[in-house]
Amino acid sequence: MARIGILTCSNCTQDTNCASVVCLGDMRKRRGLFERYSNENQLDLIGIISCSGCPTLAAPEKILKRVNALAGYKLDALHFSYCMTALCPFIKKYEKVILENYSELTIIHGTHTPGDKKVFQEKVKELLCPTVYTPQDMNDVIKRRLKTKKDISEKEPTL
């Protein structure tokens, strides 16, 4: 049995209303970065945590407050969610600090099947700093129906 945890981006989970549905679905179906676990090997999701927010350049150890909540339960692997791998400027520092404190822990960069990071970043930017009027959330990104100002202007007829 593999005992795993998932670390998500707090901006994505809190500000875009992402409930980690795609991450969890791919975990259950062994898709994306969960393909590494055989179907015979039971997955035990110990927990999902979001990052602790910007640690500043001085305190990447801030992430340990969150990781400690999972690591005490014999965690084998910690998956950095796709949003972390695509968006987080501190991910390398987080990984270093976590492994310094939990050397037996395996860090996996990703959860669900990755898409184009640049497109994902543009769509998340639209969620965080909207330029369109219709309220949108992470479900619109995942289901590929999110509209940006660029998408709308491309559909307008030219005279």
N, C-alpha and C. Protein backbone atom coordinates (compact mmCIF):
# COMPACT_ATOMS: atom_id res chain seq x y z
N MET A 1 0.85 -1.18 0.00
CA MET A 1 0.00 0.00 0.00
C MET A 1 0.89 1.24 0.00
N ALA A 2 0.58 2.16 -0.87
CA ALA A 2 1.30 3.43 -0.92
C ALA A 2 0.48 4.49 -0.18
N ARG A 3 1.11 5.12 0.77
CA ARG A 3 0.46 6.17 1.57
C ARG A 3 0.92 7.51 1.01
N ILE A 4 -0.03 8.24 0.42
CA ILE A 4 0.34 9.46 -0.27
C ILE A 4 -0.40 10.68 0.27
N GLY A 5 0.20 11.82 0.01
CA GLY A 5 -0.42 13.11 0.29
C GLY A 5 -0.33 13.97 -0.95
N ILE A 6 -1.16 14.98 -1.00
CA ILE A 6 -1.15 15.91 -2.12
C ILE A 6 -1.00 17.32 -1.56
N LEU A 7 -0.06 18.07 -2.12
CA LEU A 7 0.15 19.47 -1.75
C LEU A 7 -0.31 20.32 -2.92
N THR A 8 -1.31 21.16 -2.68
CA THR A 8 -1.87 22.02 -3.73
C THR A 8 -1.44 23.47 -3.53
N CYS A 9 -1.64 24.26 -4.55
CA CYS A 9 -1.38 25.70 -4.51
C CYS A 9 -2.53 26.39 -3.79
N SER A 10 -2.24 27.16 -2.76
CA SER A 10 -3.31 27.83 -2.01
C SER A 10 -4.05 28.85 -2.87
N ASN A 11 -3.36 29.49 -3.82
CA ASN A 11 -4.06 30.42 -4.71
C ASN A 11 -5.11 29.68 -5.54
N CYS A 12 -4.74 28.51 -6.05
CA CYS A 12 -5.70 27.75 -6.87
C CYS A 12 -6.85 27.21 -6.03
N THR A 13 -6.55 26.63 -4.88
CA THR A 13 -7.63 26.03 -4.10
C THR A 13 -8.53 27.09 -3.47
N GLN A 14 -7.97 28.20 -3.05
CA GLN A 14 -8.78 29.20 -2.35
C GLN A 14 -9.35 30.26 -3.29
N ASP A 15 -8.55 30.77 -4.20
CA ASP A 15 -8.99 31.89 -5.02
C ASP A 15 -9.67 31.49 -6.32
N THR A 16 -9.49 30.24 -6.75
CA THR A 16 -10.17 29.79 -7.97
C THR A 16 -11.18 28.70 -7.68
N ASN A 17 -11.37 28.38 -6.40
CA ASN A 17 -12.36 27.39 -5.96
C ASN A 17 -12.11 26.00 -6.51
N CYS A 18 -10.85 25.62 -6.65
CA CYS A 18 -10.52 24.27 -7.11
C CYS A 18 -10.65 23.31 -5.93
N ALA A 19 -11.39 22.24 -6.14
CA ALA A 19 -11.61 21.24 -5.09
C ALA A 19 -10.76 19.98 -5.32
N SER A 20 -9.76 20.06 -6.17
CA SER A 20 -8.85 18.94 -6.48
C SER A 20 -9.58 17.74 -7.08
N VAL A 21 -10.71 17.98 -7.71
CA VAL A 21 -11.52 16.90 -8.28
C VAL A 21 -10.75 16.12 -9.35
N VAL A 22 -10.05 16.81 -10.24
CA VAL A 22 -9.32 16.12 -11.31
C VAL A 22 -8.13 15.37 -10.72
N CYS A 23 -7.43 15.96 -9.76
CA CYS A 23 -6.32 15.27 -9.10
C CYS A 23 -6.82 13.96 -8.47
N LEU A 24 -7.93 14.04 -7.77
CA LEU A 24 -8.47 12.85 -7.09
C LEU A 24 -8.99 11.83 -8.09
N GLY A 25 -9.63 12.29 -9.16
CA GLY A 25 -10.12 11.37 -10.18
C GLY A 25 -8.99 10.60 -10.84
N ASP A 26 -7.90 11.30 -11.17
CA ASP A 26 -6.76 10.63 -11.79
C ASP A 26 -6.06 9.71 -10.79
N MET A 27 -6.09 10.05 -9.52
CA MET A 27 -5.54 9.16 -8.51
C MET A 27 -6.33 7.85 -8.49
N ARG A 28 -7.66 7.96 -8.45
CA ARG A 28 -8.50 6.75 -8.41
C ARG A 28 -8.32 5.89 -9.66
N LYS A 29 -8.14 6.54 -10.81
CA LYS A 29 -8.04 5.82 -12.08
C LYS A 29 -6.60 5.53 -12.49
N ARG A 30 -5.64 5.91 -11.65
CA ARG A 30 -4.21 5.70 -11.90
C ARG A 30 -3.78 6.34 -13.22
N ARG A 31 -4.19 7.56 -13.43
CA ARG A 31 -3.78 8.32 -14.62
C ARG A 31 -2.81 9.41 -14.20
N GLY A 32 -2.24 10.07 -15.19
CA GLY A 32 -1.31 11.16 -14.90
C GLY A 32 -0.11 10.66 -14.12
N LEU A 33 0.27 11.39 -13.10
CA LEU A 33 1.44 11.01 -12.31
C LEU A 33 1.14 9.90 -11.31
N PHE A 34 -0.10 9.42 -11.29
CA PHE A 34 -0.46 8.29 -10.44
C PHE A 34 -0.29 6.96 -11.18
N GLU A 35 0.08 7.02 -12.47
CA GLU A 35 0.35 5.80 -13.23
C GLU A 35 1.50 5.01 -12.62
N ARG A 36 2.34 5.66 -11.86
CA ARG A 36 3.50 5.02 -11.25
C ARG A 36 3.10 3.94 -10.25
N TYR A 37 1.86 3.99 -9.76
CA TYR A 37 1.37 3.00 -8.80
C TYR A 37 0.60 1.92 -9.55
N SER A 38 0.97 0.68 -9.36
CA SER A 38 0.27 -0.40 -10.06
C SER A 38 -1.16 -0.51 -9.55
N ASN A 39 -2.02 -1.06 -10.38
CA ASN A 39 -3.42 -1.23 -9.98
C ASN A 39 -3.56 -2.20 -8.81
N GLU A 40 -2.59 -3.09 -8.65
CA GLU A 40 -2.63 -4.04 -7.54
C GLU A 40 -2.23 -3.37 -6.22
N ASN A 41 -1.51 -2.27 -6.32
CA ASN A 41 -1.03 -1.57 -5.14
C ASN A 41 -2.10 -0.58 -4.68
N GLN A 42 -2.66 -0.80 -3.51
CA GLN A 42 -3.69 0.09 -2.99
C GLN A 42 -3.09 1.46 -2.67
N LEU A 43 -3.83 2.50 -3.02
CA LEU A 43 -3.41 3.86 -2.68
C LEU A 43 -4.21 4.31 -1.47
N ASP A 44 -3.51 4.81 -0.50
CA ASP A 44 -4.15 5.35 0.70
C ASP A 44 -3.86 6.85 0.73
N LEU A 45 -4.86 7.64 0.42
CA LEU A 45 -4.69 9.10 0.46
C LEU A 45 -4.78 9.54 1.92
N ILE A 46 -3.66 9.96 2.45
CA ILE A 46 -3.60 10.38 3.85
C ILE A 46 -4.22 11.76 4.02
N GLY A 47 -4.00 12.64 3.06
CA GLY A 47 -4.59 13.96 3.15
C GLY A 47 -4.18 14.86 2.00
N ILE A 48 -4.92 15.94 1.88
CA ILE A 48 -4.62 16.99 0.90
C ILE A 48 -4.41 18.27 1.69
N ILE A 49 -3.31 18.94 1.43
CA ILE A 49 -3.02 20.21 2.08
C ILE A 49 -2.72 21.24 1.00
N SER A 50 -2.96 22.49 1.30
CA SER A 50 -2.54 23.54 0.38
C SER A 50 -1.28 24.17 0.96
N CYS A 51 -0.51 24.81 0.09
CA CYS A 51 0.71 25.45 0.57
C CYS A 51 0.35 26.54 1.57
N SER A 52 1.35 27.03 2.23
CA SER A 52 1.11 28.01 3.29
C SER A 52 1.17 29.45 2.80
N GLY A 53 1.18 29.62 1.49
CA GLY A 53 1.26 30.97 0.94
C GLY A 53 2.70 31.40 0.78
N CYS A 54 2.90 32.57 0.26
CA CYS A 54 4.24 33.08 -0.03
C CYS A 54 5.14 33.00 1.21
N PRO A 55 6.28 32.29 1.09
CA PRO A 55 7.17 32.18 2.23
C PRO A 55 8.20 33.31 2.30
N THR A 56 8.17 34.22 1.36
CA THR A 56 9.21 35.22 1.14
C THR A 56 10.51 34.51 0.81
N LEU A 57 11.50 35.24 0.44
CA LEU A 57 12.79 34.62 0.13
C LEU A 57 13.48 34.10 1.39
N ALA A 58 13.06 34.59 2.55
CA ALA A 58 13.74 34.26 3.79
C ALA A 58 13.24 33.01 4.49
N ALA A 59 12.03 32.54 4.20
CA ALA A 59 11.47 31.48 5.04
C ALA A 59 10.76 30.36 4.27
N PRO A 60 11.45 29.67 3.35
CA PRO A 60 10.78 28.55 2.68
C PRO A 60 10.38 27.44 3.66
N GLU A 61 10.97 27.45 4.85
CA GLU A 61 10.63 26.46 5.88
C GLU A 61 9.18 26.58 6.33
N LYS A 62 8.54 27.68 5.98
CA LYS A 62 7.13 27.88 6.32
C LYS A 62 6.26 26.71 5.83
N ILE A 63 6.66 26.08 4.73
CA ILE A 63 5.90 24.96 4.18
C ILE A 63 5.84 23.78 5.14
N LEU A 64 6.82 23.67 6.02
CA LEU A 64 6.87 22.54 6.94
C LEU A 64 5.68 22.52 7.90
N LYS A 65 5.11 23.68 8.19
CA LYS A 65 3.92 23.71 9.05
C LYS A 65 2.81 22.86 8.45
N ARG A 66 2.67 22.91 7.14
CA ARG A 66 1.62 22.14 6.45
C ARG A 66 2.05 20.68 6.27
N VAL A 67 3.28 20.47 5.84
CA VAL A 67 3.74 19.11 5.57
C VAL A 67 3.77 18.28 6.84
N ASN A 68 4.11 18.89 7.97
CA ASN A 68 4.13 18.16 9.24
C ASN A 68 2.78 17.53 9.55
N ALA A 69 1.70 18.15 9.10
CA ALA A 69 0.36 17.63 9.36
C ALA A 69 0.14 16.28 8.68
N LEU A 70 0.85 16.01 7.59
CA LEU A 70 0.73 14.74 6.88
C LEU A 70 1.85 13.77 7.22
N ALA A 71 3.06 14.28 7.32
CA ALA A 71 4.24 13.43 7.45
C ALA A 71 4.21 12.57 8.71
N GLY A 72 3.51 13.00 9.72
CA GLY A 72 3.41 12.23 10.95
C GLY A 72 2.57 10.98 10.82
N TYR A 73 1.97 10.76 9.66
CA TYR A 73 1.11 9.60 9.44
C TYR A 73 1.74 8.61 8.46
N LYS A 74 3.06 8.45 8.56
CA LYS A 74 3.81 7.47 7.75
C LYS A 74 3.57 7.65 6.25
N LEU A 75 3.74 8.84 5.80
CA LEU A 75 3.56 9.18 4.39
C LEU A 75 4.72 8.60 3.58
N ASP A 76 4.41 7.96 2.46
CA ASP A 76 5.45 7.44 1.56
C ASP A 76 5.83 8.47 0.50
N ALA A 77 4.82 9.14 -0.04
CA ALA A 77 5.05 10.07 -1.15
C ALA A 77 4.17 11.30 -1.00
N LEU A 78 4.73 12.42 -1.40
CA LEU A 78 3.98 13.67 -1.43
C LEU A 78 3.95 14.15 -2.88
N HIS A 79 2.75 14.24 -3.42
CA HIS A 79 2.58 14.74 -4.79
C HIS A 79 2.39 16.25 -4.75
N PHE A 80 3.24 16.98 -5.45
CA PHE A 80 2.98 18.39 -5.68
C PHE A 80 1.94 18.42 -6.80
N SER A 81 0.82 19.04 -6.57
CA SER A 81 -0.26 19.06 -7.56
C SER A 81 0.22 19.72 -8.86
N TYR A 82 -0.54 19.46 -9.92
CA TYR A 82 -0.19 20.06 -11.21
C TYR A 82 -0.11 21.57 -11.10
N CYS A 83 -1.04 22.19 -10.36
CA CYS A 83 -1.01 23.64 -10.24
C CYS A 83 0.27 24.12 -9.56
N MET A 84 0.77 23.34 -8.60
CA MET A 84 2.05 23.70 -7.97
C MET A 84 3.18 23.65 -9.00
N THR A 85 3.21 22.59 -9.80
CA THR A 85 4.31 22.45 -10.76
C THR A 85 4.24 23.50 -11.86
N ALA A 86 3.05 23.97 -12.17
CA ALA A 86 2.88 24.94 -13.26
C ALA A 86 2.99 26.39 -12.79
N LEU A 87 2.75 26.64 -11.50
CA LEU A 87 2.61 28.02 -11.05
C LEU A 87 3.56 28.47 -9.95
N CYS A 88 4.06 27.56 -9.15
CA CYS A 88 4.77 27.96 -7.92
C CYS A 88 6.23 28.36 -8.16
N PRO A 89 6.60 29.60 -7.82
CA PRO A 89 7.99 30.02 -7.98
C PRO A 89 8.89 29.48 -6.86
N PHE A 90 8.30 28.87 -5.83
CA PHE A 90 9.07 28.39 -4.68
C PHE A 90 9.21 26.87 -4.66
N ILE A 91 8.75 26.19 -5.67
CA ILE A 91 8.65 24.73 -5.63
C ILE A 91 9.99 24.04 -5.36
N LYS A 92 11.07 24.52 -5.95
CA LYS A 92 12.39 23.91 -5.72
C LYS A 92 12.84 24.12 -4.28
N LYS A 93 12.58 25.31 -3.75
CA LYS A 93 12.94 25.58 -2.36
C LYS A 93 12.09 24.73 -1.42
N TYR A 94 10.80 24.60 -1.73
CA TYR A 94 9.93 23.75 -0.91
C TYR A 94 10.43 22.31 -0.91
N GLU A 95 10.75 21.80 -2.08
CA GLU A 95 11.22 20.42 -2.16
C GLU A 95 12.49 20.22 -1.35
N LYS A 96 13.41 21.14 -1.46
CA LYS A 96 14.68 21.05 -0.71
C LYS A 96 14.43 21.02 0.79
N VAL A 97 13.62 21.92 1.28
CA VAL A 97 13.33 22.00 2.71
C VAL A 97 12.60 20.74 3.19
N ILE A 98 11.65 20.28 2.42
CA ILE A 98 10.89 19.08 2.81
C ILE A 98 11.81 17.88 2.89
N LEU A 99 12.66 17.69 1.88
CA LEU A 99 13.55 16.53 1.87
C LEU A 99 14.63 16.62 2.94
N GLU A 100 15.04 17.82 3.30
CA GLU A 100 16.00 17.97 4.41
C GLU A 100 15.39 17.49 5.72
N ASN A 101 14.09 17.64 5.86
CA ASN A 101 13.41 17.25 7.09
C ASN A 101 12.78 15.87 7.02
N TYR A 102 12.49 15.40 5.82
CA TYR A 102 11.86 14.09 5.63
C TYR A 102 12.57 13.37 4.48
N SER A 103 13.79 12.94 4.73
CA SER A 103 14.62 12.35 3.67
C SER A 103 14.03 11.06 3.10
N GLU A 104 13.21 10.38 3.87
CA GLU A 104 12.61 9.12 3.40
C GLU A 104 11.39 9.35 2.50
N LEU A 105 10.92 10.57 2.43
CA LEU A 105 9.73 10.91 1.65
C LEU A 105 10.08 11.06 0.17
N THR A 106 9.24 10.51 -0.68
CA THR A 106 9.41 10.69 -2.12
C THR A 106 8.54 11.86 -2.56
N ILE A 107 9.13 12.80 -3.29
CA ILE A 107 8.39 13.94 -3.82
C ILE A 107 8.11 13.66 -5.30
N ILE A 108 6.86 13.79 -5.70
CA ILE A 108 6.47 13.59 -7.09
C ILE A 108 5.91 14.91 -7.61
N HIS A 109 6.45 15.37 -8.72
CA HIS A 109 6.01 16.63 -9.32
C HIS A 109 4.83 16.38 -10.24
N GLY A 110 3.64 16.50 -9.69
CA GLY A 110 2.43 16.39 -10.49
C GLY A 110 1.40 15.45 -9.92
N THR A 111 0.20 15.60 -10.43
CA THR A 111 -0.93 14.75 -10.04
C THR A 111 -1.63 14.30 -11.31
N HIS A 112 -2.56 15.10 -11.80
CA HIS A 112 -3.30 14.69 -13.00
C HIS A 112 -2.47 14.89 -14.26
N THR A 113 -2.98 14.36 -15.35
CA THR A 113 -2.28 14.45 -16.63
C THR A 113 -2.00 15.91 -16.96
N PRO A 114 -0.73 16.25 -17.13
CA PRO A 114 -0.40 17.66 -17.37
C PRO A 114 -0.83 18.13 -18.76
N GLY A 115 -1.16 19.40 -18.81
CA GLY A 115 -1.47 20.05 -20.08
C GLY A 115 -0.37 21.04 -20.41
N ASP A 116 -0.64 21.93 -21.31
CA ASP A 116 0.30 22.98 -21.69
C ASP A 116 0.40 23.99 -20.55
N LYS A 117 1.57 24.07 -19.91
CA LYS A 117 1.73 24.94 -18.74
C LYS A 117 1.47 26.40 -19.06
N LYS A 118 1.92 26.85 -20.21
CA LYS A 118 1.73 28.27 -20.57
C LYS A 118 0.25 28.59 -20.69
N VAL A 119 -0.50 27.73 -21.34
CA VAL A 119 -1.95 27.93 -21.47
C VAL A 119 -2.60 27.90 -20.09
N PHE A 120 -2.21 26.94 -19.27
CA PHE A 120 -2.75 26.83 -17.92
C PHE A 120 -2.47 28.11 -17.13
N GLN A 121 -1.24 28.62 -17.22
CA GLN A 121 -0.87 29.85 -16.51
C GLN A 121 -1.72 31.02 -16.97
N GLU A 122 -1.95 31.13 -18.27
CA GLU A 122 -2.79 32.22 -18.79
C GLU A 122 -4.22 32.12 -18.26
N LYS A 123 -4.75 30.90 -18.22
CA LYS A 123 -6.12 30.70 -17.76
C LYS A 123 -6.25 31.00 -16.26
N VAL A 124 -5.26 30.57 -15.48
CA VAL A 124 -5.30 30.86 -14.04
C VAL A 124 -5.16 32.36 -13.81
N LYS A 125 -4.33 33.02 -14.58
CA LYS A 125 -4.22 34.48 -14.46
C LYS A 125 -5.58 35.13 -14.67
N GLU A 126 -6.32 34.63 -15.65
CA GLU A 126 -7.66 35.18 -15.90
C GLU A 126 -8.58 34.97 -14.70
N LEU A 127 -8.44 33.83 -14.03
CA LEU A 127 -9.26 33.59 -12.84
C LEU A 127 -8.88 34.53 -11.70
N LEU A 128 -7.58 34.76 -11.55
CA LEU A 128 -7.10 35.61 -10.45
C LEU A 128 -7.27 37.10 -10.74
N CYS A 129 -7.15 37.48 -12.01
CA CYS A 129 -7.25 38.88 -12.44
C CYS A 129 -8.18 38.96 -13.65
N PRO A 130 -9.48 38.80 -13.45
CA PRO A 130 -10.41 38.68 -14.59
C PRO A 130 -10.46 39.91 -15.49
N THR A 131 -10.55 39.63 -16.78
CA THR A 131 -10.73 40.70 -17.76
C THR A 131 -12.08 40.54 -18.46
N VAL A 132 -12.82 39.51 -18.11
CA VAL A 132 -14.16 39.29 -18.66
C VAL A 132 -15.17 39.43 -17.52
N TYR A 133 -16.43 39.54 -17.86
CA TYR A 133 -17.44 39.82 -16.85
C TYR A 133 -18.12 38.59 -16.26
N THR A 134 -18.15 37.50 -16.98
CA THR A 134 -18.81 36.30 -16.48
C THR A 134 -17.95 35.66 -15.40
N PRO A 135 -18.49 35.42 -14.21
CA PRO A 135 -17.70 34.74 -13.18
C PRO A 135 -17.25 33.36 -13.67
N GLN A 136 -16.00 33.05 -13.42
CA GLN A 136 -15.43 31.77 -13.84
C GLN A 136 -14.63 31.19 -12.68
N ASP A 137 -14.41 29.87 -12.71
CA ASP A 137 -13.60 29.26 -11.68
C ASP A 137 -12.76 28.13 -12.27
N MET A 138 -12.08 27.38 -11.42
CA MET A 138 -11.16 26.34 -11.87
C MET A 138 -11.87 25.28 -12.71
N ASN A 139 -13.14 25.03 -12.46
CA ASN A 139 -13.87 24.05 -13.27
C ASN A 139 -13.91 24.47 -14.74
N ASP A 140 -13.98 25.78 -15.00
CA ASP A 140 -13.97 26.27 -16.38
C ASP A 140 -12.62 25.99 -17.05
N VAL A 141 -11.53 26.07 -16.29
CA VAL A 141 -10.21 25.76 -16.84
C VAL A 141 -10.13 24.27 -17.17
N ILE A 142 -10.51 23.44 -16.21
CA ILE A 142 -10.40 21.99 -16.37
C ILE A 142 -11.27 21.49 -17.52
N LYS A 143 -12.46 22.03 -17.63
CA LYS A 143 -13.38 21.59 -18.69
C LYS A 143 -13.15 22.34 -20.00
N ARG A 144 -12.07 23.16 -20.03
CA ARG A 144 -11.65 23.89 -21.22
C ARG A 144 -12.74 24.80 -21.78
N ARG A 145 -13.45 25.47 -20.89
CA ARG A 145 -14.49 26.41 -21.33
C ARG A 145 -14.25 27.83 -20.82
N LEU A 146 -13.11 28.05 -20.16
CA LEU A 146 -12.78 29.38 -19.63
C LEU A 146 -12.55 30.35 -20.78
N LYS A 147 -13.13 31.51 -20.68
CA LYS A 147 -12.99 32.54 -21.71
C LYS A 147 -12.11 33.67 -21.18
N THR A 148 -11.17 34.10 -22.01
CA THR A 148 -10.33 35.24 -21.68
C THR A 148 -10.71 36.39 -22.60
N LYS A 149 -10.16 37.55 -22.31
CA LYS A 149 -10.41 38.71 -23.16
C LYS A 149 -9.97 38.42 -24.60
N LYS A 150 -8.86 37.72 -24.74
CA LYS A 150 -8.34 37.36 -26.06
C LYS A 150 -9.33 36.46 -26.81
N ASP A 151 -9.90 35.47 -26.11
CA ASP A 151 -10.87 34.56 -26.74
C ASP A 151 -12.08 35.33 -27.26
N ILE A 152 -12.55 36.28 -26.48
CA ILE A 152 -13.74 37.05 -26.84
C ILE A 152 -13.44 37.97 -28.02
N SER A 153 -12.29 38.66 -28.00
CA SER A 153 -11.97 39.60 -29.08
C SER A 153 -11.72 38.88 -30.40
N GLU A 154 -11.24 37.64 -30.36
CA GLU A 154 -11.00 36.87 -31.59
C GLU A 154 -12.31 36.48 -32.27
N LYS A 155 -13.40 36.39 -31.51
CA LYS A 155 -14.68 35.98 -32.07
C LYS A 155 -15.51 37.15 -32.57
N GLU A 156 -15.09 38.37 -32.25
CA GLU A 156 -15.83 39.54 -32.71
C GLU A 156 -15.58 39.75 -34.20
N PRO A 157 -16.63 40.02 -34.95
CA PRO A 157 -16.44 40.24 -36.39
C PRO A 157 -15.68 41.54 -36.65
N THR A 158 -14.88 41.51 -37.68
CA THR A 158 -14.17 42.73 -38.08
C THR A 158 -14.96 43.43 -39.16
N LEU A 159 -14.90 44.73 -39.17
CA LEU A 159 -15.64 45.53 -40.16
C LEU A 159 -14.79 45.87 -41.35
